[in-house]
C-alpha atoms as a PDB file:
ATOM      1  CA  MET A   1      82.283   2.151   3.481  1.00  0.00           C
ATOM      2  CA  PRO A   2      83.015   2.289   7.179  1.00  0.00           C
ATOM      3  CA  LEU A   3      80.331   0.845   9.448  1.00  0.00           C
ATOM      4  CA  CYS A   4      79.649   4.200  11.064  1.00  0.00           C
ATOM      5  CA  ALA A   5      79.018   5.862   7.688  1.00  0.00           C
ATOM      6  CA  TRP A   6      76.844   2.979   6.566  1.00  0.00           C
ATOM      7  CA  LEU A   7      74.689   3.177   9.726  1.00  0.00           C
ATOM      8  CA  LYS A   8      74.364   6.945   9.344  1.00  0.00           C
ATOM      9  CA  ALA A   9      73.271   6.586   5.676  1.00  0.00           C
ATOM     10  CA  SER A  10      70.834   3.763   6.519  1.00  0.00           C
ATOM     11  CA  THR A  11      69.313   5.747   9.365  1.00  0.00           C
ATOM     12  CA  MET A  12      68.860   8.791   7.119  1.00  0.00           C
ATOM     13  CA  THR A  13      67.234   6.655   4.421  1.00  0.00           C
ATOM     14  CA  ALA A  14      64.881   5.025   6.941  1.00  0.00           C
ATOM     15  CA  ALA A  15      63.947   8.424   8.364  1.00  0.00           C
ATOM     16  CA  VAL A  16      63.152   9.771   4.880  1.00  0.00           C
ATOM     17  CA  VAL A  17      61.046   6.701   4.026  1.00  0.00           C
ATOM     18  CA  LEU A  18      59.215   6.902   7.362  1.00  0.00           C
ATOM     19  CA  ALA A  19      58.587  10.638   6.996  1.00  0.00           C
ATOM     20  CA  THR A  20      57.329  10.206   3.429  1.00  0.00           C
ATOM     21  CA  THR A  21      55.040   7.323   4.380  1.00  0.00           C
ATOM     22  CA  THR A  22      53.652   9.172   7.400  1.00  0.00           C
ATOM     23  CA  ALA A  23      53.064  12.301   5.344  1.00  0.00           C
ATOM     24  CA  ALA A  24      51.242  10.300   2.685  1.00  0.00           C
ATOM     25  CA  TYR A  25      48.830   8.839   5.221  1.00  0.00           C
ATOM     26  CA  ALA A  26      48.439  12.074   7.169  1.00  0.00           C
ATOM     27  CA  ALA A  27      47.825  14.185   4.062  1.00  0.00           C
ATOM     28  CA  PRO A  28      44.403  15.778   3.729  1.00  0.00           C
ATOM     29  CA  THR A  29      41.848  13.534   2.058  1.00  0.00           C
ATOM     30  CA  SER A  30      40.527  16.216  -0.268  1.00  0.00           C
ATOM     31  CA  LEU A  31      41.384  14.104  -3.291  1.00  0.00           C
ATOM     32  CA  SER A  32      39.653  11.004  -1.998  1.00  0.00           C
ATOM     33  CA  ALA A  33      35.948  10.367  -2.458  1.00  0.00           C
ATOM     34  CA  PRO A  34      33.818  12.039   0.192  1.00  0.00           C
ATOM     35  CA  GLU A  35      32.194   9.829   2.743  1.00  0.00           C
ATOM     36  CA  PRO A  36      28.431   9.566   2.361  1.00  0.00           C
ATOM     37  CA  SER A  37      26.623  11.862   4.724  1.00  0.00           C
ATOM     38  CA  ALA A  38      23.914  10.690   7.049  1.00  0.00           C
ATOM     39  CA  PRO A  39      20.366  11.384   5.863  1.00  0.00           C
ATOM     40  CA  SER A  40      19.198  14.807   6.896  1.00  0.00           C
ATOM     41  CA  THR A  41      16.374  14.825   9.388  1.00  0.00           C
ATOM     42  CA  ALA A  42      15.590  18.419   8.434  1.00  0.00           C
ATOM     43  CA  ALA A  43      13.752  17.205   5.344  1.00  0.00           C
ATOM     44  CA  VAL A  44      11.377  14.946   7.284  1.00  0.00           C
ATOM     45  CA  VAL A  45       7.868  16.386   7.488  1.00  0.00           C
ATOM     46  CA  THR A  46       6.131  15.554  10.754  1.00  0.00           C
ATOM     47  CA  LEU A  47       2.349  15.324  10.678  1.00  0.00           C
ATOM     48  CA  ARG A  48       0.356  14.956  13.864  1.00  0.00           C
ATOM     49  CA  TYR A  49      -2.844  12.946  14.065  1.00  0.00           C
ATOM     50  CA  ASP A  50      -5.624  13.140  16.633  1.00  0.00           C
ATOM     51  CA  ASP A  51      -7.578   9.921  17.147  1.00  0.00           C
ATOM     52  CA  SER A  52      -9.254  10.976  20.400  1.00  0.00           C
ATOM     53  CA  ARG A  53     -12.668  10.672  18.715  1.00  0.00           C
ATOM     54  CA  ALA A  54     -11.987   7.337  17.027  1.00  0.00           C
ATOM     55  CA  GLY A  55     -13.018   5.001  19.833  1.00  0.00           C
ATOM     56  CA  GLY A  56     -12.678   1.333  18.922  1.00  0.00           C
ATOM     57  CA  TRP A  57     -10.182   2.056  16.127  1.00  0.00           C
ATOM     58  CA  GLU A  58      -7.073   2.751  18.228  1.00  0.00           C
ATOM     59  CA  ALA A  59      -5.246  -0.510  17.417  1.00  0.00           C
ATOM     60  CA  ALA A  60      -6.059  -0.256  13.703  1.00  0.00           C
ATOM     61  CA  ILE A  61      -4.894   3.383  13.595  1.00  0.00           C
ATOM     62  CA  ALA A  62      -1.652   2.525  15.416  1.00  0.00           C
ATOM     63  CA  ALA A  63      -0.999  -0.317  12.946  1.00  0.00           C
ATOM     64  CA  GLY A  64      -1.828   1.894   9.952  1.00  0.00           C
ATOM     65  CA  VAL A  65       0.475   4.647  11.219  1.00  0.00           C
ATOM     66  CA  ALA A  66       3.248   2.107  11.839  1.00  0.00           C
ATOM     67  CA  SER A  67       2.836   0.797   8.292  1.00  0.00           C
ATOM     68  CA  TRP A  68       3.273   4.268   6.794  1.00  0.00           C
ATOM     69  CA  ASN A  69       6.151   5.208   9.092  1.00  0.00           C
ATOM     70  CA  ALA A  70       7.968   2.001   8.130  1.00  0.00           C
ATOM     71  CA  SER A  71       7.287   2.544   4.421  1.00  0.00           C
ATOM     72  CA  VAL A  72       8.275   6.170   3.802  1.00  0.00           C
ATOM     73  CA  GLY A  73      11.222   8.198   5.018  1.00  0.00           C
ATOM     74  CA  ASN A  74      10.459  11.851   4.451  1.00  0.00           C
ATOM     75  CA  VAL A  75       7.128  12.093   6.257  1.00  0.00           C
ATOM     76  CA  ARG A  76       6.406  10.850   9.758  1.00  0.00           C
ATOM     77  CA  LEU A  77       3.051  10.451  11.459  1.00  0.00           C
ATOM     78  CA  VAL A  78       2.985  11.059  15.213  1.00  0.00           C
ATOM     79  CA  GLU A  79       0.161  11.170  17.704  1.00  0.00           C
ATOM     80  CA  ALA A  80      -0.718  14.712  18.722  1.00  0.00           C
ATOM     81  CA  ALA A  81      -0.433  15.607  22.366  1.00  0.00           C
ATOM     82  CA  PRO A  82      -3.824  16.140  24.022  1.00  0.00           C
ATOM     83  CA  GLY A  83      -5.132  19.635  23.411  1.00  0.00           C
ATOM     84  CA  THR A  84      -2.781  20.397  20.505  1.00  0.00           C
ATOM     85  CA  ARG A  85      -3.788  20.965  16.908  1.00  0.00           C
ATOM     86  CA  ALA A  86      -3.301  18.015  14.571  1.00  0.00           C
ATOM     87  CA  GLU A  87      -2.971  17.961  10.801  1.00  0.00           C
ATOM     88  CA  ILE A  88      -5.005  14.736  10.551  1.00  0.00           C
ATOM     89  CA  VAL A  89      -8.197  14.508  12.603  1.00  0.00           C
ATOM     90  CA  ILE A  90      -9.507  10.939  12.799  1.00  0.00           C
ATOM     91  CA  VAL A  91     -13.056  10.184  13.916  1.00  0.00           C
ATOM     92  CA  ALA A  92     -15.192   7.056  14.111  1.00  0.00           C
ATOM     93  CA  THR A  93     -18.507   7.177  12.253  1.00  0.00           C
ATOM     94  CA  THR A  94     -21.327   4.809  11.379  1.00  0.00           C
ATOM     95  CA  GLY A  95     -21.074   5.384   7.599  1.00  0.00           C
ATOM     96  CA  TRP A  96     -18.494   4.397   5.002  1.00  0.00           C
ATOM     97  CA  PRO A  97     -14.859   5.371   5.505  1.00  0.00           C
ATOM     98  CA  GLN A  98     -13.874   8.642   3.874  1.00  0.00           C
ATOM     99  CA  ALA A  99     -11.047  11.149   3.968  1.00  0.00           C
ATOM    100  CA  THR A 100      -9.926  14.492   2.638  1.00  0.00           C
ATOM    101  CA  LEU A 101      -7.427  14.060  -0.181  1.00  0.00           C
ATOM    102  CA  GLY A 102      -4.051  15.606   0.664  1.00  0.00           C
ATOM    103  CA  PRO A 103      -1.167  15.828   0.750  1.00  0.00           C
ATOM    104  CA  VAL A 104      -1.856  17.628   3.998  1.00  0.00           C
ATOM    105  CA  ARG A 105       0.669  20.338   4.806  1.00  0.00           C
ATOM    106  CA  PRO A 106       2.061  21.069   8.257  1.00  0.00           C
ATOM    107  CA  GLY A 107      -0.247  23.559   9.952  1.00  0.00           C
ATOM    108  CA  ARG A 108      -3.181  22.612   7.704  1.00  0.00           C
ATOM    109  CA  GLN A 109      -5.862  20.062   8.505  1.00  0.00           C
ATOM    110  CA  VAL A 110      -7.650  17.130   6.897  1.00  0.00           C
ATOM    111  CA  ARG A 111     -10.281  14.775   8.246  1.00  0.00           C
ATOM    112  CA  VAL A 112     -10.424  10.979   8.206  1.00  0.00           C
ATOM    113  CA  GLU A 113     -13.678   9.196   9.000  1.00  0.00           C
ATOM    114  CA  LEU A 114     -13.346   5.533   9.863  1.00  0.00           C
ATOM    115  CA  GLY A 115     -16.802   4.170   9.102  1.00  0.00           C
ATOM    116  CA  SER A 116     -18.149   1.113  10.855  1.00  0.00           C
ATOM    117  CA  GLN A 117     -20.329   0.257   7.852  1.00  0.00           C
ATOM    118  CA  ALA A 118     -17.239  -1.113   6.073  1.00  0.00           C
ATOM    119  CA  VAL A 119     -16.368  -3.251   9.106  1.00  0.00           C
ATOM    120  CA  THR A 120     -19.936  -4.568   9.203  1.00  0.00           C
ATOM    121  CA  GLN A 121     -19.510  -5.550   5.545  1.00  0.00           C
ATOM    122  CA  GLY A 122     -16.354  -7.522   6.471  1.00  0.00           C
ATOM    123  CA  TYR A 123     -13.495  -5.165   5.540  1.00  0.00           C
ATOM    124  CA  ASP A 124     -10.306  -5.193   7.647  1.00  0.00           C
ATOM    125  CA  LYS A 125      -9.979  -2.295  10.114  1.00  0.00           C
ATOM    126  CA  THR A 126      -6.204  -1.924   9.788  1.00  0.00           C
ATOM    127  CA  ARG A 127      -6.391  -1.840   5.986  1.00  0.00           C
ATOM    128  CA  ILE A 128      -9.149   0.769   6.229  1.00  0.00           C
ATOM    129  CA  ALA A 129      -7.092   2.964   8.575  1.00  0.00           C
ATOM    130  CA  ALA A 130      -3.917   2.705   6.459  1.00  0.00           C
ATOM    131  CA  HIS A 131      -5.916   3.354   3.273  1.00  0.00           C
ATOM    132  CA  GLU A 132      -7.589   6.483   4.659  1.00  0.00           C
ATOM    133  CA  LEU A 133      -4.244   7.787   5.957  1.00  0.00           C
ATOM    134  CA  GLY A 134      -2.958   7.273   2.410  1.00  0.00           C
ATOM    135  CA  HIS A 135      -5.603   9.737   1.201  1.00  0.00           C
ATOM    136  CA  SER A 136      -4.354  12.274   3.765  1.00  0.00           C
ATOM    137  CA  LEU A 137      -0.844  11.815   2.355  1.00  0.00           C
ATOM    138  CA  GLY A 138      -2.087  12.607  -1.159  1.00  0.00           C
ATOM    139  CA  LEU A 139      -3.006   9.253  -2.679  1.00  0.00           C
ATOM    140  CA  PRO A 140      -6.284   8.891  -4.583  1.00  0.00           C
ATOM    141  CA  ASP A 141      -8.149   5.610  -4.953  1.00  0.00           C
ATOM    142  CA  THR A 142      -6.911   3.123  -7.548  1.00  0.00           C
ATOM    143  CA  LYS A 143     -10.188   1.261  -8.038  1.00  0.00           C
ATOM    144  CA  PRO A 144     -10.519  -1.358  -9.249  1.00  0.00           C
ATOM    145  CA  GLY A 145      -7.243  -2.768  -8.122  1.00  0.00           C
ATOM    146  CA  PRO A 146      -5.563  -5.799  -6.588  1.00  0.00           C
ATOM    147  CA  CYS A 147      -5.019  -6.425  -2.889  1.00  0.00           C
ATOM    148  CA  SER A 148      -1.327  -5.542  -3.324  1.00  0.00           C
ATOM    149  CA  GLN A 149      -2.384  -1.909  -3.877  1.00  0.00           C
ATOM    150  CA  LEU A 150      -3.338  -0.353  -0.562  1.00  0.00           C
ATOM    151  CA  MET A 151      -5.244   2.367  -2.383  1.00  0.00           C
ATOM    152  CA  SER A 152      -7.437  -0.149  -4.227  1.00  0.00           C
ATOM    153  CA  GLY A 153      -9.528  -0.033  -1.067  1.00  0.00           C
ATOM    154  CA  SER A 154     -12.780  -1.929  -1.088  1.00  0.00           C
ATOM    155  CA  SER A 155     -12.350  -3.102  -4.705  1.00  0.00           C
ATOM    156  CA  ALA A 156      -9.827  -5.702  -3.466  1.00  0.00           C
ATOM    157  CA  GLY A 157     -12.594  -7.472  -1.544  1.00  0.00           C
ATOM    158  CA  THR A 158     -13.211  -8.321   2.081  1.00  0.00           C
ATOM    159  CA  ALA A 159     -10.580 -11.087   2.133  1.00  0.00           C
ATOM    160  CA  CYS A 160      -7.825  -8.516   1.543  1.00  0.00           C
ATOM    161  CA  VAL A 161      -5.999  -7.485   4.718  1.00  0.00           C
ATOM    162  CA  ASN A 162      -2.942  -5.826   3.126  1.00  0.00           C
ATOM    163  CA  ALA A 163      -2.213  -2.584   4.994  1.00  0.00           C
ATOM    164  CA  VAL A 164       1.180  -1.870   3.396  1.00  0.00           C
ATOM    165  CA  PRO A 165       1.596   0.582   0.499  1.00  0.00           C
ATOM    166  CA  ASN A 166       3.276  -0.846  -2.597  1.00  0.00           C
ATOM    167  CA  ALA A 167       6.368   0.644  -4.237  1.00  0.00           C
ATOM    168  CA  THR A 168       4.390   3.011  -6.488  1.00  0.00           C
ATOM    169  CA  GLU A 169       2.304   4.309  -3.585  1.00  0.00           C
ATOM    170  CA  ARG A 170       5.398   4.811  -1.443  1.00  0.00           C
ATOM    171  CA  ALA A 171       7.167   6.667  -4.257  1.00  0.00           C
ATOM    172  CA  ARG A 172       4.214   9.025  -4.755  1.00  0.00           C
ATOM    173  CA  VAL A 173       4.147   9.956  -1.067  1.00  0.00           C
ATOM    174  CA  GLU A 174       7.940  10.371  -0.992  1.00  0.00           C
ATOM    175  CA  SER A 175       7.661  12.678  -4.009  1.00  0.00           C
ATOM    176  CA  ALA A 176       4.849  14.741  -2.442  1.00  0.00           C
ATOM    177  CA  TYR A 177       6.957  15.377   0.665  1.00  0.00           C
ATOM    178  CA  ALA A 178      10.400  15.453  -0.959  1.00  0.00           C
ATOM    179  CA  GLY A 179      12.829  17.791   0.772  1.00  0.00           C
ATOM    180  CA  GLY A 180      10.109  19.032   3.075  1.00  0.00           C
ATOM    181  CA  ALA A 181       8.249  20.256  -0.009  1.00  0.00           C
ATOM    182  CA  ALA A 182       4.838  19.524   1.450  1.00  0.00           C
ATOM    183  CA  SER A 183       4.434  23.219   2.210  1.00  0.00           C
ATOM    184  CA  ARG A 184       4.530  23.899  -1.543  1.00  0.00           C
ATOM    185  CA  VAL A 185       2.047  21.172  -2.507  1.00  0.00           C
ATOM    186  CA  PRO A 186      -1.582  22.213  -2.096  1.00  0.00           C
ATOM    187  CA  THR A 187      -4.060  19.922  -0.377  1.00  0.00           C
ATOM    188  CA  ASP A 188      -6.580  18.722  -2.943  1.00  0.00           C
ATOM    189  CA  GLY A 189      -9.480  19.160  -0.522  1.00  0.00           C
ATOM    190  CA  ARG A 190     -11.794  16.614  -2.145  1.00  0.00           C
ATOM    191  CA  VAL A 191     -13.447  14.136   0.188  1.00  0.00           C
ATOM    192  CA  LEU A 192     -13.119  10.571  -1.052  1.00  0.00           C
ATOM    193  CA  VAL A 193     -15.799   8.160   0.125  1.00  0.00           C
ATOM    194  CA  ASP A 194     -14.631   4.565   0.048  1.00  0.00           C
ATOM    195  CA  ALA A 195     -17.917   2.736  -0.423  1.00  0.00           C
ATOM    196  CA  PRO A 196     -17.743  -0.169  -2.897  1.00  0.00           C
END
Protein backbone atom coordinates (compact mmCIF):
# COMPACT_ATOMS: atom_id res chain seq x y z
CA MET A 1 0.00 0.00 0.00
CA PRO A 2 1.47 3.33 -0.98
CA LEU A 3 2.29 5.69 1.88
CA CYS A 4 -0.24 8.25 0.72
CA ALA A 5 -3.06 5.68 0.72
CA TRP A 6 -1.99 4.36 4.10
CA LEU A 7 -2.00 7.87 5.64
CA LYS A 8 -5.41 8.59 4.12
CA ALA A 9 -6.85 5.31 5.53
CA SER A 10 -5.27 5.91 8.96
CA THR A 11 -6.60 9.45 9.10
CA MET A 12 -10.11 8.26 8.19
CA THR A 13 -9.96 5.54 10.85
CA ALA A 14 -8.76 8.01 13.50
CA ALA A 15 -11.51 10.46 12.55
CA VAL A 16 -14.17 7.74 12.86
CA VAL A 17 -12.82 6.61 16.24
CA LEU A 18 -12.64 10.21 17.49
CA ALA A 19 -16.15 11.00 16.25
CA THR A 20 -17.56 7.84 17.83
CA THR A 21 -15.83 8.49 21.15
CA THR A 22 -16.93 12.13 21.23
CA ALA A 23 -20.50 11.17 20.38
CA ALA A 24 -20.54 8.57 23.14
CA TYR A 25 -19.49 11.11 25.76
CA ALA A 26 -21.69 13.88 24.38
CA ALA A 27 -24.78 11.68 24.12
CA PRO A 28 -27.71 12.58 26.36
CA THR A 29 -27.52 11.01 29.80
CA SER A 30 -31.13 9.85 29.82
CA LEU A 31 -30.04 6.26 30.33
CA SER A 32 -27.76 7.04 33.24
CA ALA A 33 -29.00 7.29 36.82
CA PRO A 34 -30.41 10.71 37.66
CA GLU A 35 -28.39 12.88 39.95
CA PRO A 36 -29.94 13.32 43.39
CA SER A 37 -31.82 16.56 43.67
CA ALA A 38 -31.23 19.05 46.42
CA PRO A 39 -33.75 18.94 49.26
CA SER A 40 -36.75 21.09 48.54
CA THR A 41 -37.14 24.07 50.80
CA ALA A 42 -40.80 24.32 49.81
CA ALA A 43 -41.65 21.53 52.24
CA VAL A 44 -40.13 23.29 55.25
CA VAL A 45 -42.79 24.67 57.59
CA THR A 46 -41.72 27.90 59.26
CA LEU A 47 -43.20 28.64 62.67
CA ARG A 48 -42.66 31.98 64.35
CA TYR A 49 -42.31 32.37 68.09
CA ASP A 50 -42.80 35.47 70.23
CA ASP A 51 -40.79 35.54 73.45
CA SER A 52 -41.28 39.25 74.15
CA ARG A 53 -43.08 38.38 77.40
CA ALA A 54 -40.59 35.75 78.56
CA GLY A 55 -38.13 38.00 80.37
CA GLY A 56 -35.24 36.09 81.93
CA TRP A 57 -35.72 33.09 79.62
CA GLU A 58 -34.23 34.53 76.41
CA ALA A 59 -31.00 32.48 76.47
CA ALA A 60 -32.84 29.26 77.33
CA ILE A 61 -35.40 29.86 74.56
CA ALA A 62 -32.65 30.59 72.01
CA ALA A 63 -30.85 27.37 73.01
CA GLY A 64 -34.08 25.34 72.89
CA VAL A 65 -34.94 26.73 69.45
CA ALA A 66 -31.41 26.00 68.22
CA SER A 67 -31.71 22.42 69.48
CA TRP A 68 -34.93 21.85 67.53
CA ASN A 69 -33.67 23.59 64.40
CA ALA A 70 -30.54 21.41 64.44
CA SER A 71 -32.57 18.24 65.05
CA VAL A 72 -35.37 18.40 62.48
CA GLY A 73 -35.36 19.40 58.84
CA ASN A 74 -38.93 20.02 57.77
CA VAL A 75 -39.96 22.54 60.42
CA ARG A 76 -38.03 25.65 61.38
CA LEU A 77 -38.57 27.91 64.37
CA VAL A 78 -37.81 31.60 63.85
CA GLU A 79 -38.28 34.61 66.06
CA ALA A 80 -41.26 36.71 65.03
CA ALA A 81 -40.63 40.30 64.07
CA PRO A 82 -41.97 42.77 66.64
CA GLY A 83 -45.66 43.43 66.13
CA THR A 84 -46.27 40.37 63.93
CA ARG A 85 -48.42 37.39 64.81
CA ALA A 86 -46.56 34.30 65.99
CA GLU A 87 -47.66 30.68 66.02
CA ILE A 88 -45.95 30.06 69.37
CA VAL A 89 -46.44 32.65 72.11
CA ILE A 90 -43.97 32.19 74.97
CA VAL A 91 -44.50 33.85 78.34
CA ALA A 92 -42.75 33.69 81.71
CA THR A 93 -44.93 32.74 84.67
CA THR A 94 -44.48 31.94 88.35
CA GLY A 95 -46.15 28.50 88.13
CA TRP A 96 -45.10 25.21 86.56
CA PRO A 97 -44.16 25.11 82.89
CA GLN A 98 -47.02 24.23 80.56
CA ALA A 99 -47.85 24.33 76.88
CA THR A 100 -50.60 23.72 74.38
CA LEU A 101 -50.13 20.39 72.63
CA GLY A 102 -49.66 20.82 68.87
CA PRO A 103 -48.56 20.29 66.25
CA VAL A 104 -49.24 23.97 65.72
CA ARG A 105 -50.12 24.87 62.15
CA PRO A 106 -48.94 27.97 60.32
CA GLY A 107 -51.43 30.75 60.99
CA ARG A 108 -52.69 29.07 64.18
CA GLN A 109 -51.46 29.76 67.69
CA VAL A 110 -50.35 27.88 70.79
CA ARG A 111 -49.06 29.12 74.13
CA VAL A 112 -45.98 28.11 76.10
CA GLU A 113 -45.63 29.13 79.74
CA LEU A 114 -42.14 28.88 81.16
CA GLY A 115 -42.77 28.60 84.89
CA SER A 116 -40.21 29.74 87.41
CA GLN A 117 -41.47 27.20 89.96
CA ALA A 118 -39.60 24.46 88.06
CA VAL A 119 -36.40 26.53 88.11
CA THR A 120 -36.82 27.09 91.85
CA GLN A 121 -37.08 23.30 92.24
CA GLY A 122 -33.75 22.92 90.37
CA TYR A 123 -34.79 22.02 86.81
CA ASP A 124 -32.65 23.25 83.89
CA LYS A 125 -34.08 26.26 82.01
CA THR A 126 -32.86 25.18 78.56
CA ARG A 127 -34.32 21.69 78.98
CA ILE A 128 -37.60 23.24 80.09
CA ALA A 129 -37.73 25.55 77.06
CA ALA A 130 -36.86 22.77 74.58
CA HIS A 131 -39.37 20.42 76.25
CA GLU A 132 -42.22 22.94 76.08
CA LEU A 133 -41.41 23.73 72.43
CA GLY A 134 -41.64 19.98 71.83
CA HIS A 135 -45.26 20.11 73.03
CA SER A 136 -45.95 22.90 70.52
CA LEU A 137 -44.53 20.65 67.79
CA GLY A 138 -46.93 17.86 68.76
CA LEU A 139 -45.06 15.75 71.30
CA PRO A 140 -46.84 14.63 74.48
CA ASP A 141 -45.04 13.84 77.72
CA THR A 142 -43.33 10.46 78.05
CA LYS A 143 -43.37 10.26 81.84
CA PRO A 144 -41.75 8.51 83.49
CA GLY A 145 -38.76 8.43 81.24
CA PRO A 146 -34.98 8.67 81.13
CA CYS A 147 -32.96 11.84 80.68
CA SER A 148 -32.24 10.82 77.07
CA GLN A 149 -35.91 11.51 76.27
CA LEU A 150 -36.48 15.25 76.09
CA MET A 151 -40.20 14.71 76.57
CA SER A 152 -39.69 12.82 79.84
CA GLY A 153 -39.61 16.29 81.37
CA SER A 154 -39.45 16.51 85.12
CA SER A 155 -39.53 12.72 85.59
CA ALA A 156 -35.84 12.60 84.56
CA GLY A 157 -34.91 14.57 87.68
CA THR A 158 -33.22 17.87 88.36
CA ALA A 159 -29.76 16.58 87.41
CA CYS A 160 -30.91 16.08 83.80
CA VAL A 161 -29.88 18.91 81.47
CA ASN A 162 -30.48 17.15 78.12
CA ALA A 163 -32.22 19.60 75.77
CA VAL A 164 -31.90 17.51 72.59
CA PRO A 165 -34.75 15.36 71.26
CA ASN A 166 -33.90 11.69 70.73
CA ALA A 167 -34.36 9.84 67.43
CA THR A 168 -37.96 8.82 68.18
CA GLU A 169 -38.95 12.37 69.14
CA ARG A 170 -37.29 13.79 66.04
CA ALA A 171 -39.03 11.25 63.82
CA ARG A 172 -42.45 12.09 65.28
CA VAL A 173 -41.99 15.80 64.61
CA GLU A 174 -40.66 15.11 61.10
CA SER A 175 -43.74 12.97 60.45
CA ALA A 176 -46.14 15.63 61.78
CA TYR A 177 -44.69 18.22 59.40
CA ALA A 178 -43.81 15.93 56.48
CA GLY A 179 -44.11 17.61 53.10
CA GLY A 180 -45.53 20.73 54.69
CA ALA A 181 -48.42 18.59 55.95
CA ALA A 182 -48.79 20.55 59.17
CA SER A 183 -51.78 22.34 57.67
CA ARG A 184 -53.59 18.98 57.54
CA VAL A 185 -52.73 17.93 61.10
CA PRO A 186 -55.03 19.43 63.72
CA THR A 187 -53.61 20.99 66.86
CA ASP A 188 -54.59 18.85 69.84
CA GLY A 189 -55.38 21.90 71.96
CA ARG A 190 -54.82 20.24 75.34
CA VAL A 191 -52.68 22.14 77.80
CA LEU A 192 -49.99 19.96 79.34
CA VAL A 193 -48.74 21.03 82.76
CA ASP A 194 -45.27 19.73 83.49
CA ALA A 195 -45.34 19.56 87.28
CA PRO A 196 -43.69 16.43 88.73
